[in-house]
Amino acid sequence: HHLRLEMAPSVSCWNWAKAALPLCDGEYDLFEYGRILGLQGRLAETF
């Protein structure tokens, strides 16, 4: 399975960054983990 994700911080990433905060306790780059969250959220729907 090939998944495509937006790679650079942008306005559309802001909601993912906010969702990332309670997951990583603020101890990680929120934009970086926001992308990971978007990826894992999509995978967790199927696997």
All heavy atoms as atom14 arrays in JSON, in Angstrom:
{
  "sequence": "HHLRLEMAPSVSCWNWAKAALPLCDGEYDLFEYGRILGLQGRLAETF",
  "atom14_mask": [
    [1, 1, 1, 1, 1, 1, 1, 1, 1, 1, 0, 0, 0, 0],
    [1, 1, 1, 1, 1, 1, 1, 1, 1, 1, 0, 0, 0, 0],
    [1, 1, 1, 1, 1, 1, 1, 1, 0, 0, 0, 0, 0, 0],
    [1, 1, 1, 1, 1, 1, 1, 1, 1, 1, 1, 0, 0, 0],
    [1, 1, 1, 1, 1, 1, 1, 1, 0, 0, 0, 0, 0, 0],
    [1, 1, 1, 1, 1, 1, 1, 1, 1, 0, 0, 0, 0, 0],
    [1, 1, 1, 1, 1, 1, 1, 1, 0, 0, 0, 0, 0, 0],
    [1, 1, 1, 1, 1, 0, 0, 0, 0, 0, 0, 0, 0, 0],
    [1, 1, 1, 1, 1, 1, 1, 0, 0, 0, 0, 0, 0, 0],
    [1, 1, 1, 1, 1, 1, 0, 0, 0, 0, 0, 0, 0, 0],
    [1, 1, 1, 1, 1, 1, 1, 0, 0, 0, 0, 0, 0, 0],
    [1, 1, 1, 1, 1, 1, 0, 0, 0, 0, 0, 0, 0, 0],
    [1, 1, 1, 1, 1, 1, 0, 0, 0, 0, 0, 0, 0, 0],
    [1, 1, 1, 1, 1, 1, 1, 1, 1, 1, 1, 1, 1, 1],
    [1, 1, 1, 1, 1, 1, 1, 1, 0, 0, 0, 0, 0, 0],
    [1, 1, 1, 1, 1, 1, 1, 1, 1, 1, 1, 1, 1, 1],
    [1, 1, 1, 1, 1, 0, 0, 0, 0, 0, 0, 0, 0, 0],
    [1, 1, 1, 1, 1, 1, 1, 1, 1, 0, 0, 0, 0, 0],
    [1, 1, 1, 1, 1, 0, 0, 0, 0, 0, 0, 0, 0, 0],
    [1, 1, 1, 1, 1, 0, 0, 0, 0, 0, 0, 0, 0, 0],
    [1, 1, 1, 1, 1, 1, 1, 1, 0, 0, 0, 0, 0, 0],
    [1, 1, 1, 1, 1, 1, 1, 0, 0, 0, 0, 0, 0, 0],
    [1, 1, 1, 1, 1, 1, 1, 1, 0, 0, 0, 0, 0, 0],
    [1, 1, 1, 1, 1, 1, 0, 0, 0, 0, 0, 0, 0, 0],
    [1, 1, 1, 1, 1, 1, 1, 1, 0, 0, 0, 0, 0, 0],
    [1, 1, 1, 1, 0, 0, 0, 0, 0, 0, 0, 0, 0, 0],
    [1, 1, 1, 1, 1, 1, 1, 1, 1, 0, 0, 0, 0, 0],
    [1, 1, 1, 1, 1, 1, 1, 1, 1, 1, 1, 1, 0, 0],
    [1, 1, 1, 1, 1, 1, 1, 1, 0, 0, 0, 0, 0, 0],
    [1, 1, 1, 1, 1, 1, 1, 1, 0, 0, 0, 0, 0, 0],
    [1, 1, 1, 1, 1, 1, 1, 1, 1, 1, 1, 0, 0, 0],
    [1, 1, 1, 1, 1, 1, 1, 1, 1, 0, 0, 0, 0, 0],
    [1, 1, 1, 1, 1, 1, 1, 1, 1, 1, 1, 1, 0, 0],
    [1, 1, 1, 1, 0, 0, 0, 0, 0, 0, 0, 0, 0, 0],
    [1, 1, 1, 1, 1, 1, 1, 1, 1, 1, 1, 0, 0, 0],
    [1, 1, 1, 1, 1, 1, 1, 1, 0, 0, 0, 0, 0, 0],
    [1, 1, 1, 1, 1, 1, 1, 1, 0, 0, 0, 0, 0, 0],
    [1, 1, 1, 1, 0, 0, 0, 0, 0, 0, 0, 0, 0, 0],
    [1, 1, 1, 1, 1, 1, 1, 1, 0, 0, 0, 0, 0, 0],
    [1, 1, 1, 1, 1, 1, 1, 1, 1, 0, 0, 0, 0, 0],
    [1, 1, 1, 1, 0, 0, 0, 0, 0, 0, 0, 0, 0, 0],
    [1, 1, 1, 1, 1, 1, 1, 1, 1, 1, 1, 0, 0, 0],
    [1, 1, 1, 1, 1, 1, 1, 1, 0, 0, 0, 0, 0, 0],
    [1, 1, 1, 1, 1, 0, 0, 0, 0, 0, 0, 0, 0, 0],
    [1, 1, 1, 1, 1, 1, 1, 1, 1, 0, 0, 0, 0, 0],
    [1, 1, 1, 1, 1, 1, 1, 0, 0, 0, 0, 0, 0, 0],
    [1, 1, 1, 1, 1, 1, 1, 1, 1, 1, 1, 0, 0, 0]
  ],
  "atom14_positions": [
    [[0.85, -1.19, 0.0], [0.0, 0.0, 0.0], [0.89, 1.25, 0.0], [1.8, 1.37, 0.83], [-0.91, 0.01, 1.23], [-1.66, -1.27, 1.43], [-2.92, -1.49, 0.9], [-1.32, -2.42, 2.08], [-3.32, -2.71, 1.23], [-2.37, -3.29, 1.94], [0.0, 0.0, 0.0], [0.0, 0.0, 0.0], [0.0, 0.0, 0.0], [0.0, 0.0, 0.0]],
    [[0.6, 2.16, -0.91], [1.37, 3.4, -1.02], [0.5, 4.55, -0.52], [-0.55, 4.84, -1.09], [1.79, 3.63, -2.48], [2.52, 4.91, -2.7], [2.59, 5.52, -3.93], [3.2, 5.71, -1.83], [3.29, 6.63, -3.82], [3.67, 6.78, -2.57], [0.0, 0.0, 0.0], [0.0, 0.0, 0.0], [0.0, 0.0, 0.0], [0.0, 0.0, 0.0]],
    [[0.95, 5.2, 0.54], [0.2, 6.32, 1.12], [0.96, 7.61, 0.86], [2.19, 7.66, 0.99], [0.02, 6.14, 2.63], [-1.03, 5.12, 3.09], [-0.53, 3.7, 2.91], [-1.39, 5.35, 4.55], [0.0, 0.0, 0.0], [0.0, 0.0, 0.0], [0.0, 0.0, 0.0], [0.0, 0.0, 0.0], [0.0, 0.0, 0.0], [0.0, 0.0, 0.0]],
    [[0.22, 8.63, 0.51], [0.82, 9.94, 0.27], [0.39, 10.9, 1.37], [-0.79, 10.97, 1.72], [0.41, 10.49, -1.1], [0.93, 9.66, -2.26], [0.3, 10.09, -3.56], [0.81, 9.32, -4.69], [0.37, 8.11, -5.03], [-0.58, 7.53, -4.31], [0.89, 7.49, -6.07], [0.0, 0.0, 0.0], [0.0, 0.0, 0.0], [0.0, 0.0, 0.0]],
    [[1.36, 11.63, 1.89], [1.08, 12.58, 2.96], [1.73, 13.91, 2.65], [2.79, 13.97, 2.01], [1.61, 12.06, 4.3], [0.88, 10.87, 4.92], [1.61, 10.44, 6.18], [-0.56, 11.22, 5.26], [0.0, 0.0, 0.0], [0.0, 0.0, 0.0], [0.0, 0.0, 0.0], [0.0, 0.0, 0.0], [0.0, 0.0, 0.0], [0.0, 0.0, 0.0]],
    [[1.11, 14.99, 3.14], [1.71, 16.31, 3.01], [2.95, 16.36, 3.9], [2.9, 16.0, 5.08], [0.71, 17.38, 3.44], [1.14, 18.77, 3.08], [0.01, 19.77, 3.29], [-1.09, 19.33, 3.69], [0.22, 20.96, 3.07], [0.0, 0.0, 0.0], [0.0, 0.0, 0.0], [0.0, 0.0, 0.0], [0.0, 0.0, 0.0], [0.0, 0.0, 0.0]],
    [[4.1, 16.76, 3.35], [5.36, 16.64, 4.07], [5.79, 17.92, 4.79], [6.56, 17.87, 5.73], [6.47, 16.22, 3.09], [6.23, 14.85, 2.47], [5.95, 13.56, 3.69], [7.56, 13.5, 4.47], [0.0, 0.0, 0.0], [0.0, 0.0, 0.0], [0.0, 0.0, 0.0], [0.0, 0.0, 0.0], [0.0, 0.0, 0.0], [0.0, 0.0, 0.0]],
    [[5.35, 19.09, 4.35], [5.81, 20.34, 4.97], [4.72, 20.91, 5.87], [3.54, 20.75, 5.59], [6.18, 21.34, 3.89], [0.0, 0.0, 0.0], [0.0, 0.0, 0.0], [0.0, 0.0, 0.0], [0.0, 0.0, 0.0], [0.0, 0.0, 0.0], [0.0, 0.0, 0.0], [0.0, 0.0, 0.0], [0.0, 0.0, 0.0], [0.0, 0.0, 0.0]],
    [[5.1, 21.57, 6.99], [4.09, 22.23, 7.81], [3.3, 23.23, 6.98], [3.86, 24.0, 6.21], [4.95, 22.94, 8.87], [6.23, 22.2, 8.91], [6.46, 21.73, 7.5], [0.0, 0.0, 0.0], [0.0, 0.0, 0.0], [0.0, 0.0, 0.0], [0.0, 0.0, 0.0], [0.0, 0.0, 0.0], [0.0, 0.0, 0.0], [0.0, 0.0, 0.0]],
    [[2.0, 23.22, 7.13], [1.14, 24.13, 6.37], [-0.15, 24.34, 7.15], [-0.37, 23.73, 8.18], [0.85, 23.54, 4.98], [0.05, 22.39, 5.11], [0.0, 0.0, 0.0], [0.0, 0.0, 0.0], [0.0, 0.0, 0.0], [0.0, 0.0, 0.0], [0.0, 0.0, 0.0], [0.0, 0.0, 0.0], [0.0, 0.0, 0.0], [0.0, 0.0, 0.0]],
    [[-0.95, 25.23, 6.62], [-2.21, 25.52, 7.29], [-3.06, 24.27, 7.43], [-3.68, 24.03, 8.47], [-2.98, 26.61, 6.51], [-4.34, 26.85, 7.13], [-2.17, 27.9, 6.46], [0.0, 0.0, 0.0], [0.0, 0.0, 0.0], [0.0, 0.0, 0.0], [0.0, 0.0, 0.0], [0.0, 0.0, 0.0], [0.0, 0.0, 0.0], [0.0, 0.0, 0.0]],
    [[-3.07, 23.43, 6.41], [-3.9, 22.22, 6.47], [-3.38, 21.21, 7.49], [-4.1, 20.31, 7.9], [-3.97, 21.57, 5.08], [-2.69, 21.19, 4.65], [0.0, 0.0, 0.0], [0.0, 0.0, 0.0], [0.0, 0.0, 0.0], [0.0, 0.0, 0.0], [0.0, 0.0, 0.0], [0.0, 0.0, 0.0], [0.0, 0.0, 0.0], [0.0, 0.0, 0.0]],
    [[-2.09, 21.36, 7.9], [-1.51, 20.46, 8.91], [-1.85, 20.89, 10.33], [-1.58, 20.14, 11.28], [0.01, 20.4, 8.76], [0.61, 19.6, 7.27], [0.0, 0.0, 0.0], [0.0, 0.0, 0.0], [0.0, 0.0, 0.0], [0.0, 0.0, 0.0], [0.0, 0.0, 0.0], [0.0, 0.0, 0.0], [0.0, 0.0, 0.0], [0.0, 0.0, 0.0]],
    [[-2.39, 22.09, 10.49], [-2.58, 22.64, 11.82], [-3.53, 21.79, 12.66], [-3.28, 21.58, 13.86], [-3.07, 24.09, 11.72], [-3.39, 24.74, 13.04], [-4.54, 25.35, 13.39], [-2.52, 24.84, 14.18], [-4.47, 25.85, 14.67], [-3.24, 25.54, 15.19], [-1.23, 24.4, 14.46], [-2.7, 25.81, 16.43], [-0.69, 24.68, 15.71], [-1.41, 25.37, 16.68]],
    [[-4.6, 21.3, 12.07], [-5.54, 20.47, 12.83], [-4.88, 19.18, 13.3], [-5.13, 18.7, 14.41], [-6.78, 20.17, 12.0], [-7.68, 21.39, 11.84], [-7.67, 22.29, 12.68], [-8.43, 21.44, 10.75], [0.0, 0.0, 0.0], [0.0, 0.0, 0.0], [0.0, 0.0, 0.0], [0.0, 0.0, 0.0], [0.0, 0.0, 0.0], [0.0, 0.0, 0.0]],
    [[-4.03, 18.59, 12.44], [-3.32, 17.39, 12.85], [-2.35, 17.71, 13.99], [-2.15, 16.92, 14.91], [-2.56, 16.78, 11.67], [-3.42, 15.97, 10.75], [-3.69, 16.23, 9.44], [-4.14, 14.77, 11.07], [-4.53, 15.27, 8.92], [-4.82, 14.35, 9.9], [-4.27, 14.0, 12.22], [-5.61, 13.21, 9.86], [-5.07, 12.85, 12.18], [-5.73, 12.47, 11.01]],
    [[-1.71, 18.87, 13.92], [-0.77, 19.26, 14.98], [-1.49, 19.39, 16.31], [-0.99, 18.96, 17.35], [-0.07, 20.57, 14.6], [0.0, 0.0, 0.0], [0.0, 0.0, 0.0], [0.0, 0.0, 0.0], [0.0, 0.0, 0.0], [0.0, 0.0, 0.0], [0.0, 0.0, 0.0], [0.0, 0.0, 0.0], [0.0, 0.0, 0.0], [0.0, 0.0, 0.0]],
    [[-2.68, 19.98, 16.29], [-3.45, 20.1, 17.53], [-3.85, 18.74, 18.07], [-3.81, 18.49, 19.28], [-4.7, 20.97, 17.28], [-4.39, 22.44, 17.08], [-5.67, 23.29, 17.13], [-6.57, 22.99, 15.94], [-7.77, 23.87, 15.95], [0.0, 0.0, 0.0], [0.0, 0.0, 0.0], [0.0, 0.0, 0.0], [0.0, 0.0, 0.0], [0.0, 0.0, 0.0]],
    [[-4.23, 17.85, 17.17], [-4.59, 16.5, 17.6], [-3.39, 15.74, 18.15], [-3.54, 14.82, 18.97], [-5.2, 15.73, 16.42], [0.0, 0.0, 0.0], [0.0, 0.0, 0.0], [0.0, 0.0, 0.0], [0.0, 0.0, 0.0], [0.0, 0.0, 0.0], [0.0, 0.0, 0.0], [0.0, 0.0, 0.0], [0.0, 0.0, 0.0], [0.0, 0.0, 0.0]],
    [[-2.18, 16.13, 17.69], [-0.97, 15.43, 18.13], [-0.59, 15.76, 19.56], [0.05, 14.96, 20.25], [0.19, 15.78, 17.19], [0.0, 0.0, 0.0], [0.0, 0.0, 0.0], [0.0, 0.0, 0.0], [0.0, 0.0, 0.0], [0.0, 0.0, 0.0], [0.0, 0.0, 0.0], [0.0, 0.0, 0.0], [0.0, 0.0, 0.0], [0.0, 0.0, 0.0]],
    [[-0.96, 16.95, 20.04], [-0.51, 17.41, 21.36], [-0.84, 16.43, 22.49], [0.06, 16.05, 23.24], [-1.1, 18.79, 21.65], [-0.8, 19.36, 23.04], [0.7, 19.55, 23.23], [-1.53, 20.67, 23.26], [0.0, 0.0, 0.0], [0.0, 0.0, 0.0], [0.0, 0.0, 0.0], [0.0, 0.0, 0.0], [0.0, 0.0, 0.0], [0.0, 0.0, 0.0]],
    [[-2.09, 15.99, 22.66], [-2.36, 15.08, 23.78], [-1.73, 13.69, 23.61], [-1.59, 12.96, 24.58], [-3.9, 14.98, 23.79], [-4.31, 15.33, 22.41], [-3.32, 16.34, 21.92], [0.0, 0.0, 0.0], [0.0, 0.0, 0.0], [0.0, 0.0, 0.0], [0.0, 0.0, 0.0], [0.0, 0.0, 0.0], [0.0, 0.0, 0.0], [0.0, 0.0, 0.0]],
    [[-1.35, 13.34, 22.38], [-0.74, 12.03, 22.17], [0.73, 12.02, 22.53], [1.23, 11.04, 23.08], [-0.92, 11.58, 20.71], [-2.36, 11.35, 20.24], [-2.38, 10.84, 18.81], [-3.09, 10.36, 21.15], [0.0, 0.0, 0.0], [0.0, 0.0, 0.0], [0.0, 0.0, 0.0], [0.0, 0.0, 0.0], [0.0, 0.0, 0.0], [0.0, 0.0, 0.0]],
    [[1.44, 13.1, 22.19], [2.88, 13.12, 22.46], [3.25, 14.03, 23.63], [4.43, 14.28, 23.86], [3.66, 13.5, 21.21], [3.29, 15.15, 20.57], [0.0, 0.0, 0.0], [0.0, 0.0, 0.0], [0.0, 0.0, 0.0], [0.0, 0.0, 0.0], [0.0, 0.0, 0.0], [0.0, 0.0, 0.0], [0.0, 0.0, 0.0], [0.0, 0.0, 0.0]],
    [[2.26, 14.49, 24.39], [2.49, 15.27, 25.62], [3.3, 16.54, 25.39], [3.92, 17.06, 26.31], [3.21, 14.41, 26.68], [2.32, 13.3, 27.22], [1.08, 13.44, 27.13], [2.84, 12.29, 27.72], [0.0, 0.0, 0.0], [0.0, 0.0, 0.0], [0.0, 0.0, 0.0], [0.0, 0.0, 0.0], [0.0, 0.0, 0.0], [0.0, 0.0, 0.0]],
    [[3.33, 17.02, 24.14], [4.11, 18.21, 23.85], [5.6, 17.97, 23.84], [6.38, 18.92, 23.71], [0.0, 0.0, 0.0], [0.0, 0.0, 0.0], [0.0, 0.0, 0.0], [0.0, 0.0, 0.0], [0.0, 0.0, 0.0], [0.0, 0.0, 0.0], [0.0, 0.0, 0.0], [0.0, 0.0, 0.0], [0.0, 0.0, 0.0], [0.0, 0.0, 0.0]],
    [[6.04, 16.72, 23.97], [7.47, 16.4, 24.02], [8.03, 16.02, 22.65], [9.06, 15.35, 22.55], [7.73, 15.26, 25.02], [7.42, 15.64, 26.47], [7.7, 14.52, 27.44], [8.2, 13.46, 27.02], [7.44, 14.7, 28.64], [0.0, 0.0, 0.0], [0.0, 0.0, 0.0], [0.0, 0.0, 0.0], [0.0, 0.0, 0.0], [0.0, 0.0, 0.0]],
    [[7.34, 16.43, 21.6], [7.8, 16.12, 20.25], [7.27, 17.2, 19.31], [6.26, 17.85, 19.6], [7.27, 14.74, 19.81], [7.97, 14.18, 18.6], [9.23, 13.6, 18.71], [7.38, 14.23, 17.34], [9.89, 13.09, 17.59], [8.03, 13.72, 16.22], [9.28, 13.15, 16.36], [9.93, 12.66, 15.26], [0.0, 0.0, 0.0], [0.0, 0.0, 0.0]],
    [[7.95, 17.42, 18.21], [7.54, 18.39, 17.2], [6.1, 18.07, 16.75], [5.84, 17.01, 16.17], [8.51, 18.3, 16.01], [8.2, 19.29, 14.91], [7.01, 19.6, 14.68], [9.15, 19.75, 14.25], [0.0, 0.0, 0.0], [0.0, 0.0, 0.0], [0.0, 0.0, 0.0], [0.0, 0.0, 0.0], [0.0, 0.0, 0.0], [0.0, 0.0, 0.0]],
    [[5.18, 18.98, 17.02], [3.76, 18.69, 16.76], [3.45, 18.57, 15.27], [2.6, 17.77, 14.88], [2.88, 19.78, 17.38], [2.87, 19.85, 18.91], [1.87, 20.88, 19.38], [2.56, 18.49, 19.52], [0.0, 0.0, 0.0], [0.0, 0.0, 0.0], [0.0, 0.0, 0.0], [0.0, 0.0, 0.0], [0.0, 0.0, 0.0], [0.0, 0.0, 0.0]],
    [[4.12, 19.35, 14.44], [3.87, 19.22, 13.0], [4.41, 17.89, 12.48], [3.79, 17.23, 11.66], [4.5, 20.39, 12.24], [3.72, 21.66, 12.38], [4.16, 22.68, 13.2], [2.52, 21.83, 11.7], [3.43, 23.85, 13.34], [1.78, 23.0, 11.82], [2.24, 24.01, 12.65], [0.0, 0.0, 0.0], [0.0, 0.0, 0.0], [0.0, 0.0, 0.0]],
    [[5.58, 17.5, 12.97], [6.16, 16.22, 12.55], [5.27, 15.07, 12.99], [4.94, 14.18, 12.22], [7.56, 16.08, 13.14], [8.23, 14.74, 12.86], [8.54, 14.53, 11.39], [8.69, 15.54, 10.66], [8.61, 13.36, 10.96], [0.0, 0.0, 0.0], [0.0, 0.0, 0.0], [0.0, 0.0, 0.0], [0.0, 0.0, 0.0], [0.0, 0.0, 0.0]],
    [[4.85, 15.07, 14.27], [4.0, 13.96, 14.71], [2.6, 14.07, 14.14], [1.92, 13.05, 13.96], [3.92, 13.86, 16.25], [3.21, 12.58, 16.6], [3.83, 11.35, 16.41], [1.87, 12.59, 16.99], [3.15, 10.17, 16.63], [1.19, 11.41, 17.22], [1.84, 10.2, 17.03], [1.16, 9.02, 17.23], [0.0, 0.0, 0.0], [0.0, 0.0, 0.0]],
    [[2.16, 15.27, 13.8], [0.85, 15.41, 13.15], [0.8, 14.62, 11.86], [-0.22, 13.98, 11.54], [0.0, 0.0, 0.0], [0.0, 0.0, 0.0], [0.0, 0.0, 0.0], [0.0, 0.0, 0.0], [0.0, 0.0, 0.0], [0.0, 0.0, 0.0], [0.0, 0.0, 0.0], [0.0, 0.0, 0.0], [0.0, 0.0, 0.0], [0.0, 0.0, 0.0]],
    [[1.9, 14.63, 11.09], [1.95, 13.83, 9.86], [1.92, 12.34, 10.17], [1.25, 11.56, 9.5], [3.2, 14.2, 9.05], [3.16, 15.6, 8.49], [4.26, 15.81, 7.45], [5.59, 15.76, 8.03], [6.22, 16.84, 8.52], [5.62, 18.0, 8.53], [7.45, 16.74, 9.0], [0.0, 0.0, 0.0], [0.0, 0.0, 0.0], [0.0, 0.0, 0.0]],
    [[2.67, 11.94, 11.21], [2.67, 10.53, 11.6], [1.28, 10.11, 12.06], [0.79, 9.02, 11.74], [3.7, 10.3, 12.73], [5.11, 10.62, 12.22], [3.64, 8.86, 13.24], [6.18, 10.6, 13.31], [0.0, 0.0, 0.0], [0.0, 0.0, 0.0], [0.0, 0.0, 0.0], [0.0, 0.0, 0.0], [0.0, 0.0, 0.0], [0.0, 0.0, 0.0]],
    [[0.62, 10.99, 12.81], [-0.73, 10.71, 13.29], [-1.69, 10.53, 12.12], [-2.53, 9.61, 12.12], [-1.2, 11.85, 14.19], [-2.65, 11.83, 14.66], [-2.94, 10.57, 15.45], [-2.95, 13.08, 15.51], [0.0, 0.0, 0.0], [0.0, 0.0, 0.0], [0.0, 0.0, 0.0], [0.0, 0.0, 0.0], [0.0, 0.0, 0.0], [0.0, 0.0, 0.0]],
    [[-1.56, 11.4, 11.11], [-2.41, 11.25, 9.94], [-2.2, 9.91, 9.25], [-3.16, 9.24, 8.84], [0.0, 0.0, 0.0], [0.0, 0.0, 0.0], [0.0, 0.0, 0.0], [0.0, 0.0, 0.0], [0.0, 0.0, 0.0], [0.0, 0.0, 0.0], [0.0, 0.0, 0.0], [0.0, 0.0, 0.0], [0.0, 0.0, 0.0], [0.0, 0.0, 0.0]],
    [[-0.96, 9.49, 9.15], [-0.64, 8.2, 8.53], [-1.19, 7.05, 9.35], [-1.89, 6.17, 8.84], [0.88, 8.08, 8.39], [1.43, 6.67, 8.1], [1.0, 6.21, 6.72], [2.94, 6.65, 8.23], [0.0, 0.0, 0.0], [0.0, 0.0, 0.0], [0.0, 0.0, 0.0], [0.0, 0.0, 0.0], [0.0, 0.0, 0.0], [0.0, 0.0, 0.0]],
    [[-0.88, 7.05, 10.66], [-1.32, 5.93, 11.5], [-2.83, 5.88, 11.65], [-3.42, 4.8, 11.75], [-0.64, 6.02, 12.87], [0.87, 5.81, 12.79], [1.53, 5.81, 14.15], [0.98, 6.33, 15.13], [2.72, 5.25, 14.22], [0.0, 0.0, 0.0], [0.0, 0.0, 0.0], [0.0, 0.0, 0.0], [0.0, 0.0, 0.0], [0.0, 0.0, 0.0]],
    [[-3.45, 7.05, 11.66], [-4.91, 7.07, 11.73], [-5.55, 6.4, 10.53], [-6.53, 5.65, 10.67], [0.0, 0.0, 0.0], [0.0, 0.0, 0.0], [0.0, 0.0, 0.0], [0.0, 0.0, 0.0], [0.0, 0.0, 0.0], [0.0, 0.0, 0.0], [0.0, 0.0, 0.0], [0.0, 0.0, 0.0], [0.0, 0.0, 0.0], [0.0, 0.0, 0.0]],
    [[-4.99, 6.63, 9.36], [-5.52, 6.0, 8.14], [-5.27, 4.49, 8.15], [-6.13, 3.69, 7.79], [-4.9, 6.63, 6.91], [-5.39, 8.05, 6.65], [-4.5, 8.8, 5.69], [-4.45, 8.17, 4.37], [-3.65, 8.58, 3.39], [-2.85, 9.63, 3.59], [-3.67, 7.98, 2.22], [0.0, 0.0, 0.0], [0.0, 0.0, 0.0], [0.0, 0.0, 0.0]],
    [[-4.08, 4.09, 8.59], [-3.76, 2.66, 8.63], [-4.62, 1.93, 9.66], [-5.06, 0.79, 9.43], [-2.28, 2.46, 8.95], [-1.29, 2.85, 7.85], [0.13, 2.83, 8.39], [-1.4, 1.91, 6.65], [0.0, 0.0, 0.0], [0.0, 0.0, 0.0], [0.0, 0.0, 0.0], [0.0, 0.0, 0.0], [0.0, 0.0, 0.0], [0.0, 0.0, 0.0]],
    [[-4.85, 2.58, 10.81], [-5.61, 1.92, 11.88], [-7.07, 1.69, 11.5], [-7.75, 0.88, 12.14], [-5.54, 2.77, 13.16], [0.0, 0.0, 0.0], [0.0, 0.0, 0.0], [0.0, 0.0, 0.0], [0.0, 0.0, 0.0], [0.0, 0.0, 0.0], [0.0, 0.0, 0.0], [0.0, 0.0, 0.0], [0.0, 0.0, 0.0], [0.0, 0.0, 0.0]],
    [[-7.55, 2.38, 10.48], [-8.92, 2.13, 10.02], [-9.06, 0.77, 9.34], [-10.14, 0.2, 9.29], [-9.34, 3.24, 9.04], [-9.48, 4.61, 9.68], [-9.76, 5.69, 8.65], [-9.8, 5.35, 7.44], [-9.94, 6.87, 9.04], [0.0, 0.0, 0.0], [0.0, 0.0, 0.0], [0.0, 0.0, 0.0], [0.0, 0.0, 0.0], [0.0, 0.0, 0.0]],
    [[-7.95, 0.25, 8.8], [-7.98, -1.0, 8.04], [-7.27, -2.15, 8.76], [-7.71, -3.29, 8.69], [-7.32, -0.8, 6.66], [-7.98, 0.27, 5.99], [-7.4, -2.06, 5.82], [0.0, 0.0, 0.0], [0.0, 0.0, 0.0], [0.0, 0.0, 0.0], [0.0, 0.0, 0.0], [0.0, 0.0, 0.0], [0.0, 0.0, 0.0], [0.0, 0.0, 0.0]],
    [[-6.18, -1.82, 9.48], [-5.34, -2.86, 10.08], [-5.43, -2.79, 11.6], [-5.84, -1.76, 12.16], [-3.9, -2.68, 9.62], [-3.74, -2.7, 8.12], [-3.64, -1.52, 7.4], [-3.72, -3.91, 7.42], [-3.51, -1.53, 6.03], [-3.59, -3.94, 6.05], [-3.48, -2.75, 5.35], [0.0, 0.0, 0.0], [0.0, 0.0, 0.0], [0.0, 0.0, 0.0]]
  ]
}
